[in-house]
Amino acid sequence: MQVLQVQLEVGPDPAEVGRARRWARSRLVGSGIRDDEPLAETLILLISELVTNAVVHTGCPAVLRMLFGLTGSAGAPGTVRVEVADASCRPPQQRHAAGEDTNGRGLELVDGLADRWGWQPEGAGKRIWCEVDRGAPLIQLPLHSGAQGTAPGAGDAGRDAYKASQAVTHLA
């Protein structure tokens, strides 16, 4: 089995999240995942959430890794794994945001969109990861009538999360 791994060092600044998304998009295209595929949008949202969590909740630099695997059956696409490692030993805490809360949905989104996710200690810090199976069916649903595609008061990550929660459903 062949595996391609790419990684990016991310500074402890929220502006780095946008840079990580742009970098990841270019790597997805380089791996054969078209920019307009629902899979690409799902992966970018997962990356955005994991990098945001690392930067905002730890205040430490992080390393974003993407691993693209191939199965043994005639090069059929396999699993894409996203990892974010940081220097904080504090475990991730999944929260349950209330209706008008502007944050607290990151790991809920990861749980809903990824086929698998988890975390593990790594050195003095931790690594949080998620996996999406490239062959798993994704369906695109239309936005609800009257939806604008942005949540009130949401920033870049919140707007992306709102769009994805309204537009893409992942069937496991």
C-alpha atoms as a PDB file:
ATOM      1  CA  MET A   1       0.000   0.000   0.000  1.00  0.00           C
ATOM      2  CA  GLN A   2       1.328   3.436  -0.962  1.00  0.00           C
ATOM      3  CA  VAL A   3       0.796   6.424   1.306  1.00  0.00           C
ATOM      4  CA  LEU A   4       1.530  10.050   0.477  1.00  0.00           C
ATOM      5  CA  GLN A   5       2.085  12.292   3.499  1.00  0.00           C
ATOM      6  CA  VAL A   6       2.301  16.087   3.378  1.00  0.00           C
ATOM      7  CA  GLN A   7       2.616  18.455   6.315  1.00  0.00           C
ATOM      8  CA  LEU A   8       2.536  22.142   7.180  1.00  0.00           C
ATOM      9  CA  GLU A   9       3.759  23.916  10.304  1.00  0.00           C
ATOM     10  CA  VAL A  10       1.107  26.287  11.651  1.00  0.00           C
ATOM     11  CA  GLY A  11       1.917  29.226  13.925  1.00  0.00           C
ATOM     12  CA  PRO A  12      -0.107  30.051  17.053  1.00  0.00           C
ATOM     13  CA  ASP A  13      -2.107  32.789  15.297  1.00  0.00           C
ATOM     14  CA  PRO A  14      -5.768  32.463  14.203  1.00  0.00           C
ATOM     15  CA  ALA A  15      -4.809  33.956  10.815  1.00  0.00           C
ATOM     16  CA  GLU A  16      -2.879  30.735  10.185  1.00  0.00           C
ATOM     17  CA  VAL A  17      -6.164  28.832   9.813  1.00  0.00           C
ATOM     18  CA  GLY A  18      -6.834  30.493   6.447  1.00  0.00           C
ATOM     19  CA  ARG A  19      -3.305  29.726   5.293  1.00  0.00           C
ATOM     20  CA  ALA A  20      -3.768  26.082   6.327  1.00  0.00           C
ATOM     21  CA  ARG A  21      -7.022  25.871   4.314  1.00  0.00           C
ATOM     22  CA  ARG A  22      -5.377  27.330   1.189  1.00  0.00           C
ATOM     23  CA  TRP A  23      -2.404  24.984   1.539  1.00  0.00           C
ATOM     24  CA  ALA A  24      -4.673  21.969   2.069  1.00  0.00           C
ATOM     25  CA  ARG A  25      -6.790  22.807  -0.998  1.00  0.00           C
ATOM     26  CA  SER A  26      -3.702  22.806  -3.188  1.00  0.00           C
ATOM     27  CA  ARG A  27      -2.571  19.463  -1.748  1.00  0.00           C
ATOM     28  CA  LEU A  28      -6.001  17.917  -2.265  1.00  0.00           C
ATOM     29  CA  VAL A  29      -5.948  18.919  -5.930  1.00  0.00           C
ATOM     30  CA  GLY A  30      -2.423  17.498  -6.211  1.00  0.00           C
ATOM     31  CA  SER A  31      -3.684  14.179  -4.819  1.00  0.00           C
ATOM     32  CA  GLY A  32      -6.457  13.922  -7.400  1.00  0.00           C
ATOM     33  CA  ILE A  33      -9.356  15.262  -5.324  1.00  0.00           C
ATOM     34  CA  ARG A  34     -10.994  18.015  -7.376  1.00  0.00           C
ATOM     35  CA  ASP A  35     -11.599  21.344  -5.647  1.00  0.00           C
ATOM     36  CA  ASP A  36     -15.341  21.206  -6.447  1.00  0.00           C
ATOM     37  CA  GLU A  37     -15.948  17.705  -5.036  1.00  0.00           C
ATOM     38  CA  PRO A  38     -18.027  17.412  -1.852  1.00  0.00           C
ATOM     39  CA  LEU A  39     -15.158  15.322  -0.433  1.00  0.00           C
ATOM     40  CA  ALA A  40     -12.786  18.296  -0.801  1.00  0.00           C
ATOM     41  CA  GLU A  41     -15.224  20.621   0.980  1.00  0.00           C
ATOM     42  CA  THR A  42     -15.671  18.100   3.804  1.00  0.00           C
ATOM     43  CA  LEU A  43     -11.904  17.702   4.225  1.00  0.00           C
ATOM     44  CA  ILE A  44     -11.320  21.478   4.193  1.00  0.00           C
ATOM     45  CA  LEU A  45     -13.961  21.947   6.878  1.00  0.00           C
ATOM     46  CA  LEU A  46     -12.402  19.203   9.022  1.00  0.00           C
ATOM     47  CA  ILE A  47      -8.958  20.758   8.588  1.00  0.00           C
ATOM     48  CA  SER A  48     -10.307  24.191   9.455  1.00  0.00           C
ATOM     49  CA  GLU A  49     -11.917  22.914  12.654  1.00  0.00           C
ATOM     50  CA  LEU A  50      -8.907  20.905  13.847  1.00  0.00           C
ATOM     51  CA  VAL A  51      -6.402  23.677  13.112  1.00  0.00           C
ATOM     52  CA  THR A  52      -8.683  26.281  14.721  1.00  0.00           C
ATOM     53  CA  ASN A  53      -8.960  24.143  17.860  1.00  0.00           C
ATOM     54  CA  ALA A  54      -5.189  23.741  18.062  1.00  0.00           C
ATOM     55  CA  VAL A  55      -4.470  27.439  17.554  1.00  0.00           C
ATOM     56  CA  VAL A  56      -7.275  28.907  19.672  1.00  0.00           C
ATOM     57  CA  HIS A  57      -7.406  26.440  22.563  1.00  0.00           C
ATOM     58  CA  THR A  58      -3.695  25.749  23.040  1.00  0.00           C
ATOM     59  CA  GLY A  59      -1.969  28.949  21.896  1.00  0.00           C
ATOM     60  CA  CYS A  60       0.843  26.693  20.636  1.00  0.00           C
ATOM     61  CA  PRO A  61       2.246  26.090  17.161  1.00  0.00           C
ATOM     62  CA  ALA A  62       0.868  22.985  15.472  1.00  0.00           C
ATOM     63  CA  VAL A  63       1.655  20.637  12.606  1.00  0.00           C
ATOM     64  CA  LEU A  64      -1.042  19.768  10.060  1.00  0.00           C
ATOM     65  CA  ARG A  65      -0.551  16.450   8.254  1.00  0.00           C
ATOM     66  CA  MET A  66      -2.599  14.902   5.475  1.00  0.00           C
ATOM     67  CA  LEU A  67      -2.116  11.290   4.499  1.00  0.00           C
ATOM     68  CA  PHE A  68      -3.516   9.949   1.256  1.00  0.00           C
ATOM     69  CA  GLY A  69      -3.645   6.153   1.048  1.00  0.00           C
ATOM     70  CA  LEU A  70      -4.216   3.767  -1.812  1.00  0.00           C
ATOM     71  CA  THR A  71      -5.807   0.358  -1.378  1.00  0.00           C
ATOM     72  CA  GLY A  72      -4.218  -2.693  -2.878  1.00  0.00           C
ATOM     73  CA  SER A  73      -7.036  -3.240  -5.391  1.00  0.00           C
ATOM     74  CA  ALA A  74      -5.874  -1.716  -8.691  1.00  0.00           C
ATOM     75  CA  GLY A  75      -5.167   1.704  -7.193  1.00  0.00           C
ATOM     76  CA  ALA A  76      -8.723   2.288  -5.952  1.00  0.00           C
ATOM     77  CA  PRO A  77      -8.894   5.358  -3.725  1.00  0.00           C
ATOM     78  CA  GLY A  78      -8.622   4.716   0.005  1.00  0.00           C
ATOM     79  CA  THR A  79      -8.803   6.787   3.145  1.00  0.00           C
ATOM     80  CA  VAL A  80      -7.684  10.391   3.650  1.00  0.00           C
ATOM     81  CA  ARG A  81      -6.353  11.012   7.159  1.00  0.00           C
ATOM     82  CA  VAL A  82      -5.978  14.493   8.642  1.00  0.00           C
ATOM     83  CA  GLU A  83      -3.835  14.990  11.752  1.00  0.00           C
ATOM     84  CA  VAL A  84      -3.068  18.070  13.804  1.00  0.00           C
ATOM     85  CA  ALA A  85      -0.327  17.762  16.428  1.00  0.00           C
ATOM     86  CA  ASP A  86       0.309  20.423  19.066  1.00  0.00           C
ATOM     87  CA  ALA A  87       2.442  20.856  22.171  1.00  0.00           C
ATOM     88  CA  SER A  88      -0.450  20.955  24.663  1.00  0.00           C
ATOM     89  CA  CYS A  89      -1.046  17.813  26.709  1.00  0.00           C
ATOM     90  CA  ARG A  90      -4.617  18.941  27.462  1.00  0.00           C
ATOM     91  CA  PRO A  91      -7.058  16.469  25.848  1.00  0.00           C
ATOM     92  CA  PRO A  92      -9.687  17.770  23.424  1.00  0.00           C
ATOM     93  CA  GLN A  93     -13.103  18.354  25.013  1.00  0.00           C
ATOM     94  CA  GLN A  94     -16.202  17.870  22.911  1.00  0.00           C
ATOM     95  CA  ARG A  95     -18.759  20.515  23.858  1.00  0.00           C
ATOM     96  CA  HIS A  96     -22.420  20.842  22.981  1.00  0.00           C
ATOM     97  CA  ALA A  97     -23.207  24.379  21.873  1.00  0.00           C
ATOM     98  CA  ALA A  98     -26.598  25.926  22.535  1.00  0.00           C
ATOM     99  CA  GLY A  99     -28.621  27.556  19.729  1.00  0.00           C
ATOM    100  CA  GLU A 100     -27.068  31.032  19.546  1.00  0.00           C
ATOM    101  CA  ASP A 101     -23.554  30.121  20.747  1.00  0.00           C
ATOM    102  CA  THR A 102     -20.892  31.290  18.285  1.00  0.00           C
ATOM    103  CA  ASN A 103     -18.434  28.511  19.124  1.00  0.00           C
ATOM    104  CA  GLY A 104     -18.338  25.045  20.653  1.00  0.00           C
ATOM    105  CA  ARG A 105     -19.361  23.074  17.560  1.00  0.00           C
ATOM    106  CA  GLY A 106     -15.947  22.078  16.200  1.00  0.00           C
ATOM    107  CA  LEU A 107     -15.636  18.538  17.487  1.00  0.00           C
ATOM    108  CA  GLU A 108     -19.357  17.930  16.922  1.00  0.00           C
ATOM    109  CA  LEU A 109     -18.748  18.746  13.246  1.00  0.00           C
ATOM    110  CA  VAL A 110     -15.704  16.495  13.174  1.00  0.00           C
ATOM    111  CA  ASP A 111     -17.750  13.704  14.765  1.00  0.00           C
ATOM    112  CA  GLY A 112     -20.538  14.156  12.231  1.00  0.00           C
ATOM    113  CA  LEU A 113     -18.434  14.511   9.076  1.00  0.00           C
ATOM    114  CA  ALA A 114     -15.496  12.149   9.616  1.00  0.00           C
ATOM    115  CA  ASP A 115     -15.810   8.386   9.332  1.00  0.00           C
ATOM    116  CA  ARG A 116     -13.513   8.063  12.368  1.00  0.00           C
ATOM    117  CA  TRP A 117     -11.699  10.451  14.684  1.00  0.00           C
ATOM    118  CA  GLY A 118      -9.734  10.390  17.893  1.00  0.00           C
ATOM    119  CA  TRP A 119      -6.648  11.654  19.642  1.00  0.00           C
ATOM    120  CA  GLN A 120      -3.512  10.274  21.239  1.00  0.00           C
ATOM    121  CA  PRO A 121      -0.608  11.606  23.280  1.00  0.00           C
ATOM    122  CA  GLU A 122       2.427  12.551  21.194  1.00  0.00           C
ATOM    123  CA  GLY A 123       5.613  13.491  23.018  1.00  0.00           C
ATOM    124  CA  ALA A 124       4.754  16.280  25.471  1.00  0.00           C
ATOM    125  CA  GLY A 125       1.613  17.134  23.466  1.00  0.00           C
ATOM    126  CA  LYS A 126      -1.092  15.349  21.498  1.00  0.00           C
ATOM    127  CA  ARG A 127      -2.243  14.470  18.012  1.00  0.00           C
ATOM    128  CA  ILE A 128      -5.903  14.708  17.035  1.00  0.00           C
ATOM    129  CA  TRP A 129      -6.879  12.939  13.848  1.00  0.00           C
ATOM    130  CA  CYS A 130      -9.830  12.153  11.621  1.00  0.00           C
ATOM    131  CA  GLU A 131     -10.335   9.929   8.603  1.00  0.00           C
ATOM    132  CA  VAL A 132     -12.650  10.132   5.611  1.00  0.00           C
ATOM    133  CA  ASP A 133     -13.080   7.158   3.314  1.00  0.00           C
ATOM    134  CA  ARG A 134     -12.860   8.334  -0.289  1.00  0.00           C
ATOM    135  CA  GLY A 135     -15.250   5.653  -1.488  1.00  0.00           C
ATOM    136  CA  ALA A 136     -17.964   6.488   1.080  1.00  0.00           C
ATOM    137  CA  PRO A 137     -21.073   8.014  -0.482  1.00  0.00           C
ATOM    138  CA  LEU A 138     -21.531  11.743   0.001  1.00  0.00           C
ATOM    139  CA  ILE A 139     -24.726  13.419  -1.108  1.00  0.00           C
ATOM    140  CA  GLN A 140     -25.290  17.116  -1.689  1.00  0.00           C
ATOM    141  CA  LEU A 141     -28.549  18.530  -0.418  1.00  0.00           C
ATOM    142  CA  PRO A 142     -29.888  21.970  -1.413  1.00  0.00           C
ATOM    143  CA  LEU A 143     -29.858  24.813   1.105  1.00  0.00           C
ATOM    144  CA  HIS A 144     -33.157  25.272   2.910  1.00  0.00           C
ATOM    145  CA  SER A 145     -35.252  27.963   1.250  1.00  0.00           C
ATOM    146  CA  GLY A 146     -34.376  31.353   2.656  1.00  0.00           C
ATOM    147  CA  ALA A 147     -30.971  30.214   3.973  1.00  0.00           C
ATOM    148  CA  GLN A 148     -28.194  32.665   3.205  1.00  0.00           C
ATOM    149  CA  GLY A 149     -25.268  30.278   3.726  1.00  0.00           C
ATOM    150  CA  THR A 150     -23.875  32.146   6.737  1.00  0.00           C
ATOM    151  CA  ALA A 151     -24.709  32.078  10.398  1.00  0.00           C
ATOM    152  CA  PRO A 152     -25.216  35.457  12.070  1.00  0.00           C
ATOM    153  CA  GLY A 153     -21.978  36.713  13.581  1.00  0.00           C
ATOM    154  CA  ALA A 154     -19.974  33.728  12.318  1.00  0.00           C
ATOM    155  CA  GLY A 155     -16.376  34.165  11.211  1.00  0.00           C
ATOM    156  CA  ASP A 156     -14.695  32.247   8.384  1.00  0.00           C
ATOM    157  CA  ALA A 157     -14.712  28.900  10.187  1.00  0.00           C
ATOM    158  CA  GLY A 158     -18.251  29.375  11.461  1.00  0.00           C
ATOM    159  CA  ARG A 159     -19.500  30.364   8.008  1.00  0.00           C
ATOM    160  CA  ASP A 160     -17.815  27.298   6.474  1.00  0.00           C
ATOM    161  CA  ALA A 161     -19.278  25.085   9.202  1.00  0.00           C
ATOM    162  CA  TYR A 162     -22.752  26.512   8.673  1.00  0.00           C
ATOM    163  CA  LYS A 163     -22.544  25.985   4.904  1.00  0.00           C
ATOM    164  CA  ALA A 164     -21.389  22.406   5.338  1.00  0.00           C
ATOM    165  CA  SER A 165     -24.014  21.615   7.950  1.00  0.00           C
ATOM    166  CA  GLN A 166     -26.672  22.946   5.559  1.00  0.00           C
ATOM    167  CA  ALA A 167     -25.304  21.539   2.298  1.00  0.00           C
ATOM    168  CA  VAL A 168     -23.581  18.191   2.885  1.00  0.00           C
ATOM    169  CA  THR A 169     -24.755  15.087   4.649  1.00  0.00           C
ATOM    170  CA  HIS A 170     -22.336  12.206   5.132  1.00  0.00           C
ATOM    171  CA  LEU A 171     -23.779   8.731   5.139  1.00  0.00           C
ATOM    172  CA  ALA A 172     -21.723   6.241   7.145  1.00  0.00           C
END
